[in-house]
Amino acid sequence: MKKVTVILAGVFFLLISSGANAQAKAVADSLSGEAYFIGKWNILAKSLPQGDTKMVIIIEKKEGKLTGNISDPASSEVPMEFTSVTINGNVLNAVFTAQGMDIPLDITKKDDKNITGNIMGMFDIEGSRPN
């Protein structure tokens, strides 16, 4: 009888823990809009003139307004501040200025930790939240 009770208790705790994991994943998957995009993202911009380039994007909300920047961690240059940031559902659109040009950046939620998108509509990017 003791063995049956121990087995049933083990099965019960296993079911509870798998239910909690499923609920946590559902909450993460349900993040959208600002709640999803705010934070730090490591991205890889592909096929730029200088080749594939690792970059960091930071999205913040300051005084009720979305802001952020994009930077190359391998460079000593100052991060390029976004001149505009808008979010519509699972898509973030931002603009930054580089070499005197306004550069559009479009990012789309892929899953709870990954993004895809493009720079200038020409250069594909993929990224993820740092661990």
N, C-alpha and C. Protein backbone atom coordinates (compact mmCIF):
# COMPACT_ATOMS: atom_id res chain seq x y z
N MET A 1 0.83 -1.19 0.00
CA MET A 1 0.00 0.00 0.00
C MET A 1 0.87 1.25 0.00
N LYS A 2 2.00 1.21 0.75
CA LYS A 2 2.88 2.36 0.79
C LYS A 2 3.45 2.65 -0.60
N LYS A 3 3.80 1.60 -1.34
CA LYS A 3 4.36 1.79 -2.68
C LYS A 3 3.36 2.46 -3.60
N VAL A 4 2.10 2.08 -3.52
CA VAL A 4 1.06 2.66 -4.36
C VAL A 4 0.90 4.14 -4.02
N THR A 5 0.91 4.47 -2.75
CA THR A 5 0.78 5.87 -2.33
C THR A 5 1.96 6.69 -2.84
N VAL A 6 3.16 6.16 -2.73
CA VAL A 6 4.36 6.87 -3.20
C VAL A 6 4.29 7.05 -4.71
N ILE A 7 3.89 6.04 -5.43
CA ILE A 7 3.78 6.12 -6.89
C ILE A 7 2.73 7.15 -7.28
N LEU A 8 1.57 7.11 -6.63
CA LEU A 8 0.52 8.09 -6.94
C LEU A 8 0.97 9.51 -6.62
N ALA A 9 1.67 9.68 -5.51
CA ALA A 9 2.18 11.01 -5.16
C ALA A 9 3.18 11.49 -6.21
N GLY A 10 4.05 10.61 -6.67
CA GLY A 10 5.03 10.96 -7.71
C GLY A 10 4.34 11.36 -9.01
N VAL A 11 3.34 10.61 -9.42
CA VAL A 11 2.59 10.93 -10.63
C VAL A 11 1.88 12.27 -10.46
N PHE A 12 1.31 12.52 -9.30
CA PHE A 12 0.61 13.78 -9.03
C PHE A 12 1.57 14.97 -9.16
N PHE A 13 2.75 14.88 -8.54
CA PHE A 13 3.72 15.97 -8.63
C PHE A 13 4.25 16.14 -10.05
N LEU A 14 4.41 15.06 -10.77
CA LEU A 14 4.84 15.14 -12.17
C LEU A 14 3.81 15.88 -13.01
N LEU A 15 2.54 15.59 -12.82
CA LEU A 15 1.48 16.28 -13.56
C LEU A 15 1.43 17.76 -13.21
N ILE A 16 1.60 18.08 -11.94
CA ILE A 16 1.57 19.49 -11.51
C ILE A 16 2.74 20.24 -12.13
N SER A 17 3.94 19.64 -12.10
CA SER A 17 5.11 20.35 -12.63
C SER A 17 5.02 20.52 -14.14
N SER A 18 4.50 19.56 -14.86
CA SER A 18 4.37 19.72 -16.31
C SER A 18 3.30 20.76 -16.63
N GLY A 19 2.26 20.85 -15.83
CA GLY A 19 1.25 21.88 -16.02
C GLY A 19 1.81 23.27 -15.77
N ALA A 20 2.67 23.41 -14.77
CA ALA A 20 3.29 24.70 -14.47
C ALA A 20 4.22 25.12 -15.59
N ASN A 21 4.97 24.17 -16.16
CA ASN A 21 5.85 24.49 -17.29
C ASN A 21 5.05 24.93 -18.50
N ALA A 22 3.96 24.26 -18.78
CA ALA A 22 3.11 24.63 -19.91
C ALA A 22 2.52 26.03 -19.71
N GLN A 23 2.13 26.34 -18.49
CA GLN A 23 1.57 27.66 -18.21
C GLN A 23 2.64 28.74 -18.35
N ALA A 24 3.85 28.49 -17.88
CA ALA A 24 4.93 29.47 -18.02
C ALA A 24 5.25 29.72 -19.49
N LYS A 25 5.26 28.66 -20.30
CA LYS A 25 5.50 28.82 -21.74
C LYS A 25 4.38 29.60 -22.38
N ALA A 26 3.14 29.35 -22.00
CA ALA A 26 2.00 30.08 -22.56
C ALA A 26 2.09 31.57 -22.23
N VAL A 27 2.53 31.90 -21.02
CA VAL A 27 2.68 33.31 -20.65
C VAL A 27 3.77 33.95 -21.49
N ALA A 28 4.91 33.27 -21.66
CA ALA A 28 6.00 33.82 -22.47
C ALA A 28 5.57 33.99 -23.92
N ASP A 29 4.84 33.01 -24.46
CA ASP A 29 4.37 33.08 -25.84
C ASP A 29 3.33 34.18 -26.02
N SER A 30 2.62 34.52 -24.96
CA SER A 30 1.56 35.51 -25.08
C SER A 30 2.09 36.94 -25.03
N LEU A 31 3.37 37.14 -24.67
CA LEU A 31 3.92 38.48 -24.66
C LEU A 31 3.91 39.04 -26.07
N SER A 32 3.45 40.25 -26.19
CA SER A 32 3.47 40.92 -27.48
C SER A 32 3.63 42.41 -27.24
N GLY A 33 3.77 43.13 -28.31
CA GLY A 33 3.90 44.57 -28.19
C GLY A 33 5.11 44.97 -27.37
N GLU A 34 4.97 46.06 -26.63
CA GLU A 34 6.07 46.59 -25.84
C GLU A 34 6.65 45.57 -24.88
N ALA A 35 5.80 44.81 -24.22
CA ALA A 35 6.27 43.84 -23.22
C ALA A 35 7.23 42.83 -23.85
N TYR A 36 7.02 42.50 -25.09
CA TYR A 36 7.89 41.54 -25.76
C TYR A 36 9.21 42.18 -26.18
N PHE A 37 9.15 43.36 -26.80
CA PHE A 37 10.34 43.94 -27.41
C PHE A 37 11.27 44.68 -26.45
N ILE A 38 10.76 45.20 -25.35
CA ILE A 38 11.61 45.96 -24.44
C ILE A 38 12.69 45.05 -23.86
N GLY A 39 13.92 45.54 -23.92
CA GLY A 39 15.05 44.78 -23.40
C GLY A 39 16.19 44.77 -24.39
N LYS A 40 17.11 43.86 -24.16
CA LYS A 40 18.32 43.75 -24.97
C LYS A 40 18.18 42.57 -25.93
N TRP A 41 18.64 42.78 -27.17
CA TRP A 41 18.60 41.75 -28.21
C TRP A 41 19.97 41.67 -28.88
N ASN A 42 20.49 40.47 -29.00
CA ASN A 42 21.69 40.23 -29.79
C ASN A 42 21.23 39.83 -31.18
N ILE A 43 21.74 40.53 -32.20
CA ILE A 43 21.31 40.22 -33.56
C ILE A 43 22.51 39.95 -34.45
N LEU A 44 22.23 39.28 -35.56
CA LEU A 44 23.21 39.08 -36.62
C LEU A 44 22.62 39.69 -37.88
N ALA A 45 23.27 40.73 -38.38
CA ALA A 45 22.85 41.36 -39.64
C ALA A 45 23.65 40.68 -40.74
N LYS A 46 22.93 40.10 -41.70
CA LYS A 46 23.56 39.27 -42.72
C LYS A 46 23.81 40.04 -44.01
N SER A 47 24.93 39.71 -44.63
CA SER A 47 25.29 40.19 -45.96
C SER A 47 25.44 41.71 -46.07
N LEU A 48 25.83 42.35 -44.97
CA LEU A 48 26.14 43.79 -45.04
C LEU A 48 27.38 43.96 -45.92
N PRO A 49 27.64 45.16 -46.42
CA PRO A 49 28.84 45.36 -47.24
C PRO A 49 30.12 44.88 -46.54
N GLN A 50 30.20 45.02 -45.22
CA GLN A 50 31.37 44.54 -44.48
C GLN A 50 31.22 43.09 -44.03
N GLY A 51 30.20 42.41 -44.50
CA GLY A 51 29.97 41.01 -44.15
C GLY A 51 28.95 40.88 -43.03
N ASP A 52 28.70 39.65 -42.58
CA ASP A 52 27.78 39.40 -41.48
C ASP A 52 28.32 40.10 -40.23
N THR A 53 27.43 40.83 -39.53
CA THR A 53 27.87 41.64 -38.41
C THR A 53 27.00 41.39 -37.19
N LYS A 54 27.63 41.10 -36.06
CA LYS A 54 26.91 40.96 -34.81
C LYS A 54 26.65 42.34 -34.24
N MET A 55 25.41 42.58 -33.79
CA MET A 55 25.04 43.87 -33.23
C MET A 55 24.17 43.66 -32.01
N VAL A 56 23.96 44.73 -31.26
CA VAL A 56 23.11 44.69 -30.08
C VAL A 56 22.05 45.78 -30.24
N ILE A 57 20.81 45.42 -29.99
CA ILE A 57 19.70 46.37 -30.00
C ILE A 57 19.17 46.45 -28.57
N ILE A 58 18.94 47.66 -28.12
CA ILE A 58 18.33 47.87 -26.80
C ILE A 58 17.07 48.71 -27.00
N ILE A 59 15.95 48.21 -26.51
CA ILE A 59 14.68 48.93 -26.56
C ILE A 59 14.27 49.25 -25.13
N GLU A 60 13.95 50.52 -24.86
CA GLU A 60 13.57 50.97 -23.52
C GLU A 60 12.32 51.83 -23.63
N LYS A 61 11.71 52.03 -22.50
CA LYS A 61 10.60 52.98 -22.41
C LYS A 61 10.97 54.00 -21.35
N LYS A 62 11.13 55.26 -21.79
CA LYS A 62 11.51 56.34 -20.89
C LYS A 62 10.47 57.43 -20.97
N GLU A 63 9.97 57.80 -19.81
CA GLU A 63 8.97 58.86 -19.72
C GLU A 63 7.79 58.60 -20.66
N GLY A 64 7.37 57.34 -20.74
CA GLY A 64 6.22 56.95 -21.55
C GLY A 64 6.48 56.84 -23.03
N LYS A 65 7.75 56.98 -23.45
CA LYS A 65 8.08 56.95 -24.87
C LYS A 65 9.09 55.83 -25.14
N LEU A 66 8.88 55.10 -26.23
CA LEU A 66 9.83 54.06 -26.62
C LEU A 66 11.08 54.70 -27.21
N THR A 67 12.23 54.21 -26.76
CA THR A 67 13.52 54.67 -27.26
C THR A 67 14.41 53.45 -27.42
N GLY A 68 15.61 53.70 -27.87
CA GLY A 68 16.56 52.60 -27.97
C GLY A 68 17.73 52.96 -28.85
N ASN A 69 18.57 51.95 -29.07
CA ASN A 69 19.74 52.15 -29.91
C ASN A 69 20.20 50.83 -30.49
N ILE A 70 21.11 50.96 -31.44
CA ILE A 70 21.73 49.79 -32.07
C ILE A 70 23.22 50.03 -32.06
N SER A 71 24.00 49.01 -31.76
CA SER A 71 25.44 49.18 -31.68
C SER A 71 26.15 47.92 -32.14
N ASP A 72 27.40 48.12 -32.50
CA ASP A 72 28.29 47.02 -32.85
C ASP A 72 29.23 46.83 -31.68
N PRO A 73 29.09 45.74 -30.92
CA PRO A 73 29.91 45.58 -29.72
C PRO A 73 31.41 45.45 -30.03
N ALA A 74 31.76 45.13 -31.28
CA ALA A 74 33.17 45.01 -31.65
C ALA A 74 33.77 46.38 -32.00
N SER A 75 32.94 47.40 -32.04
CA SER A 75 33.39 48.74 -32.41
C SER A 75 33.44 49.64 -31.18
N SER A 76 34.28 50.65 -31.24
CA SER A 76 34.34 51.61 -30.15
C SER A 76 33.41 52.80 -30.40
N GLU A 77 32.66 52.75 -31.49
CA GLU A 77 31.75 53.84 -31.81
C GLU A 77 30.57 53.87 -30.83
N VAL A 78 30.05 55.07 -30.65
CA VAL A 78 28.90 55.29 -29.78
C VAL A 78 27.68 54.62 -30.41
N PRO A 79 26.80 54.00 -29.61
CA PRO A 79 25.58 53.40 -30.19
C PRO A 79 24.77 54.44 -30.96
N MET A 80 24.12 53.99 -32.02
CA MET A 80 23.28 54.86 -32.84
C MET A 80 21.87 54.86 -32.24
N GLU A 81 21.44 56.02 -31.79
CA GLU A 81 20.13 56.16 -31.15
C GLU A 81 19.03 56.07 -32.20
N PHE A 82 17.92 55.45 -31.83
CA PHE A 82 16.76 55.42 -32.71
C PHE A 82 16.10 56.79 -32.70
N THR A 83 15.75 57.29 -33.88
CA THR A 83 15.03 58.56 -33.96
C THR A 83 13.53 58.33 -33.85
N SER A 84 13.09 57.10 -34.10
CA SER A 84 11.69 56.73 -33.88
C SER A 84 11.60 55.24 -33.62
N VAL A 85 10.65 54.89 -32.78
CA VAL A 85 10.37 53.48 -32.48
C VAL A 85 8.86 53.33 -32.37
N THR A 86 8.30 52.44 -33.18
CA THR A 86 6.87 52.14 -33.08
C THR A 86 6.69 50.62 -33.04
N ILE A 87 5.67 50.21 -32.33
CA ILE A 87 5.35 48.79 -32.23
C ILE A 87 3.89 48.61 -32.58
N ASN A 88 3.64 47.69 -33.48
CA ASN A 88 2.27 47.36 -33.87
C ASN A 88 2.13 45.84 -33.74
N GLY A 89 1.57 45.38 -32.62
CA GLY A 89 1.41 43.94 -32.38
C GLY A 89 2.76 43.28 -32.20
N ASN A 90 3.11 42.41 -33.13
CA ASN A 90 4.36 41.66 -33.05
C ASN A 90 5.43 42.18 -33.99
N VAL A 91 5.30 43.46 -34.39
CA VAL A 91 6.27 44.07 -35.30
C VAL A 91 6.77 45.38 -34.71
N LEU A 92 8.09 45.53 -34.67
CA LEU A 92 8.72 46.76 -34.23
C LEU A 92 9.35 47.43 -35.45
N ASN A 93 9.11 48.72 -35.60
CA ASN A 93 9.74 49.51 -36.65
C ASN A 93 10.54 50.61 -35.97
N ALA A 94 11.79 50.75 -36.34
CA ALA A 94 12.65 51.79 -35.78
C ALA A 94 13.45 52.42 -36.91
N VAL A 95 13.92 53.62 -36.63
CA VAL A 95 14.77 54.33 -37.58
C VAL A 95 15.96 54.88 -36.82
N PHE A 96 17.16 54.73 -37.40
CA PHE A 96 18.36 55.34 -36.85
C PHE A 96 19.11 56.02 -37.99
N THR A 97 20.01 56.92 -37.63
CA THR A 97 20.76 57.66 -38.64
C THR A 97 22.20 57.16 -38.65
N ALA A 98 22.68 56.82 -39.84
CA ALA A 98 24.07 56.38 -40.02
C ALA A 98 24.59 57.01 -41.31
N GLN A 99 25.74 57.60 -41.23
CA GLN A 99 26.39 58.25 -42.37
C GLN A 99 25.44 59.24 -43.06
N GLY A 100 24.66 59.95 -42.26
CA GLY A 100 23.77 60.98 -42.77
C GLY A 100 22.49 60.47 -43.41
N MET A 101 22.22 59.18 -43.29
CA MET A 101 21.02 58.58 -43.88
C MET A 101 20.13 58.01 -42.80
N ASP A 102 18.81 58.14 -43.00
CA ASP A 102 17.85 57.47 -42.11
C ASP A 102 17.76 56.02 -42.54
N ILE A 103 18.01 55.12 -41.59
CA ILE A 103 18.03 53.68 -41.87
C ILE A 103 16.87 53.02 -41.14
N PRO A 104 15.91 52.43 -41.90
CA PRO A 104 14.80 51.73 -41.25
C PRO A 104 15.20 50.32 -40.80
N LEU A 105 14.68 49.95 -39.67
CA LEU A 105 14.89 48.63 -39.08
C LEU A 105 13.53 48.05 -38.76
N ASP A 106 13.24 46.88 -39.29
CA ASP A 106 11.96 46.20 -39.05
C ASP A 106 12.25 44.86 -38.39
N ILE A 107 11.59 44.63 -37.25
CA ILE A 107 11.79 43.40 -36.49
C ILE A 107 10.43 42.75 -36.23
N THR A 108 10.38 41.45 -36.40
CA THR A 108 9.17 40.68 -36.17
C THR A 108 9.43 39.59 -35.14
N LYS A 109 8.50 39.42 -34.22
CA LYS A 109 8.58 38.34 -33.22
C LYS A 109 8.52 37.00 -33.95
N LYS A 110 9.50 36.15 -33.67
CA LYS A 110 9.51 34.80 -34.23
C LYS A 110 8.92 33.82 -33.21
N ASP A 111 9.43 33.87 -31.99
CA ASP A 111 8.89 33.09 -30.87
C ASP A 111 9.26 33.81 -29.59
N ASP A 112 9.14 33.16 -28.44
CA ASP A 112 9.31 33.88 -27.17
C ASP A 112 10.70 34.45 -26.94
N LYS A 113 11.72 33.98 -27.65
CA LYS A 113 13.08 34.48 -27.44
C LYS A 113 13.79 34.91 -28.72
N ASN A 114 13.15 34.82 -29.86
CA ASN A 114 13.83 35.07 -31.12
C ASN A 114 13.07 36.04 -32.01
N ILE A 115 13.84 36.79 -32.80
CA ILE A 115 13.28 37.76 -33.72
C ILE A 115 13.89 37.56 -35.11
N THR A 116 13.19 38.06 -36.11
CA THR A 116 13.71 38.12 -37.47
C THR A 116 13.40 39.52 -37.99
N GLY A 117 13.96 39.86 -39.12
CA GLY A 117 13.64 41.16 -39.68
C GLY A 117 14.63 41.57 -40.73
N ASN A 118 14.73 42.90 -40.92
CA ASN A 118 15.65 43.40 -41.92
C ASN A 118 16.06 44.83 -41.61
N ILE A 119 17.16 45.22 -42.21
CA ILE A 119 17.64 46.59 -42.17
C ILE A 119 17.54 47.12 -43.59
N MET A 120 16.88 48.25 -43.76
CA MET A 120 16.69 48.90 -45.05
C MET A 120 15.90 48.03 -46.04
N GLY A 121 15.21 47.02 -45.54
CA GLY A 121 14.47 46.14 -46.43
C GLY A 121 15.37 45.26 -47.27
N MET A 122 16.68 45.30 -47.04
CA MET A 122 17.63 44.57 -47.89
C MET A 122 18.47 43.55 -47.14
N PHE A 123 18.80 43.85 -45.90
CA PHE A 123 19.72 43.00 -45.16
C PHE A 123 18.97 42.28 -44.06
N ASP A 124 18.90 40.95 -44.16
CA ASP A 124 18.18 40.14 -43.18
C ASP A 124 18.88 40.15 -41.85
N ILE A 125 18.08 40.12 -40.79
CA ILE A 125 18.62 39.98 -39.45
C ILE A 125 17.89 38.85 -38.73
N GLU A 126 18.59 38.25 -37.81
CA GLU A 126 17.99 37.30 -36.88
C GLU A 126 18.60 37.59 -35.52
N GLY A 127 17.84 37.36 -34.49
CA GLY A 127 18.35 37.69 -33.18
C GLY A 127 17.63 36.95 -32.07
N SER A 128 18.19 37.13 -30.87
CA SER A 128 17.63 36.48 -29.69
C SER A 128 17.97 37.29 -28.46
N ARG A 129 17.22 37.03 -27.41
CA ARG A 129 17.53 37.64 -26.12
C ARG A 129 18.77 36.94 -25.56
N PRO A 130 19.65 37.72 -24.93
CA PRO A 130 20.81 37.05 -24.29
C PRO A 130 20.33 36.23 -23.10
N ASN A 131 21.05 35.17 -22.82
CA ASN A 131 20.68 34.30 -21.68
C ASN A 131 21.01 34.94 -20.38
